[in-house]
Amino acid sequence: MLMTGATTALVVVTVLLTVFAGPIFDIADDAGANLKEPWSYIGIVQGSEGTKP
């Protein structure tokens, strides 16, 4: 019974990762872009135009 539950859980997680792969990729891509060019985020927080200092 324990092995069936563990296998079912792994299958469910695998299916969910497959279904939500696009949105997860988009979130990760946006996070990476903000790490590379944080000026727009800094501008929003500080209330400026988000230009480089």
C-alpha atoms as a PDB file:
ATOM      1  CA  MET A   1       0.000   0.000   0.000  1.00  0.00           C
ATOM      2  CA  LEU A   2       2.851   2.390   0.818  1.00  0.00           C
ATOM      3  CA  MET A   3       4.557   1.789  -2.520  1.00  0.00           C
ATOM      4  CA  THR A   4       1.312   2.428  -4.396  1.00  0.00           C
ATOM      5  CA  GLY A   5       0.828   5.744  -2.611  1.00  0.00           C
ATOM      6  CA  ALA A   6       4.407   6.842  -3.274  1.00  0.00           C
ATOM      7  CA  THR A   7       4.158   5.874  -6.944  1.00  0.00           C
ATOM      8  CA  THR A   8       0.840   7.693  -7.294  1.00  0.00           C
ATOM      9  CA  ALA A   9       2.302  10.807  -5.683  1.00  0.00           C
ATOM     10  CA  LEU A  10       5.272  10.774  -8.052  1.00  0.00           C
ATOM     11  CA  VAL A  11       3.015  10.330 -11.075  1.00  0.00           C
ATOM     12  CA  VAL A  12       0.793  13.220  -9.926  1.00  0.00           C
ATOM     13  CA  VAL A  13       3.797  15.499  -9.385  1.00  0.00           C
ATOM     14  CA  THR A  14       5.186  14.572 -12.807  1.00  0.00           C
ATOM     15  CA  VAL A  15       1.871  15.324 -14.518  1.00  0.00           C
ATOM     16  CA  LEU A  16       1.512  18.635 -12.666  1.00  0.00           C
ATOM     17  CA  LEU A  17       5.034  19.678 -13.646  1.00  0.00           C
ATOM     18  CA  THR A  18       4.222  18.837 -17.253  1.00  0.00           C
ATOM     19  CA  VAL A  19       0.962  20.793 -17.195  1.00  0.00           C
ATOM     20  CA  PHE A  20       2.443  23.832 -15.466  1.00  0.00           C
ATOM     21  CA  ALA A  21       5.814  23.807 -17.256  1.00  0.00           C
ATOM     22  CA  GLY A  22       4.947  26.848 -19.391  1.00  0.00           C
ATOM     23  CA  PRO A  23       3.846  29.133 -16.553  1.00  0.00           C
ATOM     24  CA  ILE A  24       6.758  28.000 -14.367  1.00  0.00           C
ATOM     25  CA  PHE A  25       9.167  28.744 -17.220  1.00  0.00           C
ATOM     26  CA  ASP A  26       7.630  32.201 -17.727  1.00  0.00           C
ATOM     27  CA  ILE A  27       8.011  33.032 -14.035  1.00  0.00           C
ATOM     28  CA  ALA A  28      11.624  31.835 -14.022  1.00  0.00           C
ATOM     29  CA  ASP A  29      12.353  33.776 -17.223  1.00  0.00           C
ATOM     30  CA  ASP A  30      10.929  36.989 -15.742  1.00  0.00           C
ATOM     31  CA  ALA A  31      12.913  36.472 -12.538  1.00  0.00           C
ATOM     32  CA  GLY A  32      16.107  35.991 -14.538  1.00  0.00           C
ATOM     33  CA  ALA A  33      15.446  39.128 -16.578  1.00  0.00           C
ATOM     34  CA  ASN A  34      14.877  41.122 -13.382  1.00  0.00           C
ATOM     35  CA  LEU A  35      18.141  39.832 -11.947  1.00  0.00           C
ATOM     36  CA  LYS A  36      20.012  40.831 -15.101  1.00  0.00           C
ATOM     37  CA  GLU A  37      18.358  44.258 -15.498  1.00  0.00           C
ATOM     38  CA  PRO A  38      16.844  45.281 -12.131  1.00  0.00           C
ATOM     39  CA  TRP A  39      16.243  48.933 -13.097  1.00  0.00           C
ATOM     40  CA  SER A  40      12.536  48.595 -13.802  1.00  0.00           C
ATOM     41  CA  TYR A  41      11.947  46.939 -10.436  1.00  0.00           C
ATOM     42  CA  ILE A  42      14.062  49.545  -8.650  1.00  0.00           C
ATOM     43  CA  GLY A  43      12.121  52.295 -10.417  1.00  0.00           C
ATOM     44  CA  ILE A  44       8.793  50.844  -9.319  1.00  0.00           C
ATOM     45  CA  VAL A  45       9.951  50.574  -5.706  1.00  0.00           C
ATOM     46  CA  GLN A  46      11.497  54.054  -5.606  1.00  0.00           C
ATOM     47  CA  GLY A  47       8.802  55.700  -7.707  1.00  0.00           C
ATOM     48  CA  SER A  48      11.150  56.854 -10.471  1.00  0.00           C
ATOM     49  CA  GLU A  49      11.215  56.068 -14.179  1.00  0.00           C
ATOM     50  CA  GLY A  50      13.444  53.031 -13.722  1.00  0.00           C
ATOM     51  CA  THR A  51      16.481  54.385 -15.561  1.00  0.00           C
ATOM     52  CA  LYS A  52      20.014  53.376 -14.804  1.00  0.00           C
ATOM     53  CA  PRO A  53      21.802  55.579 -12.256  1.00  0.00           C
END
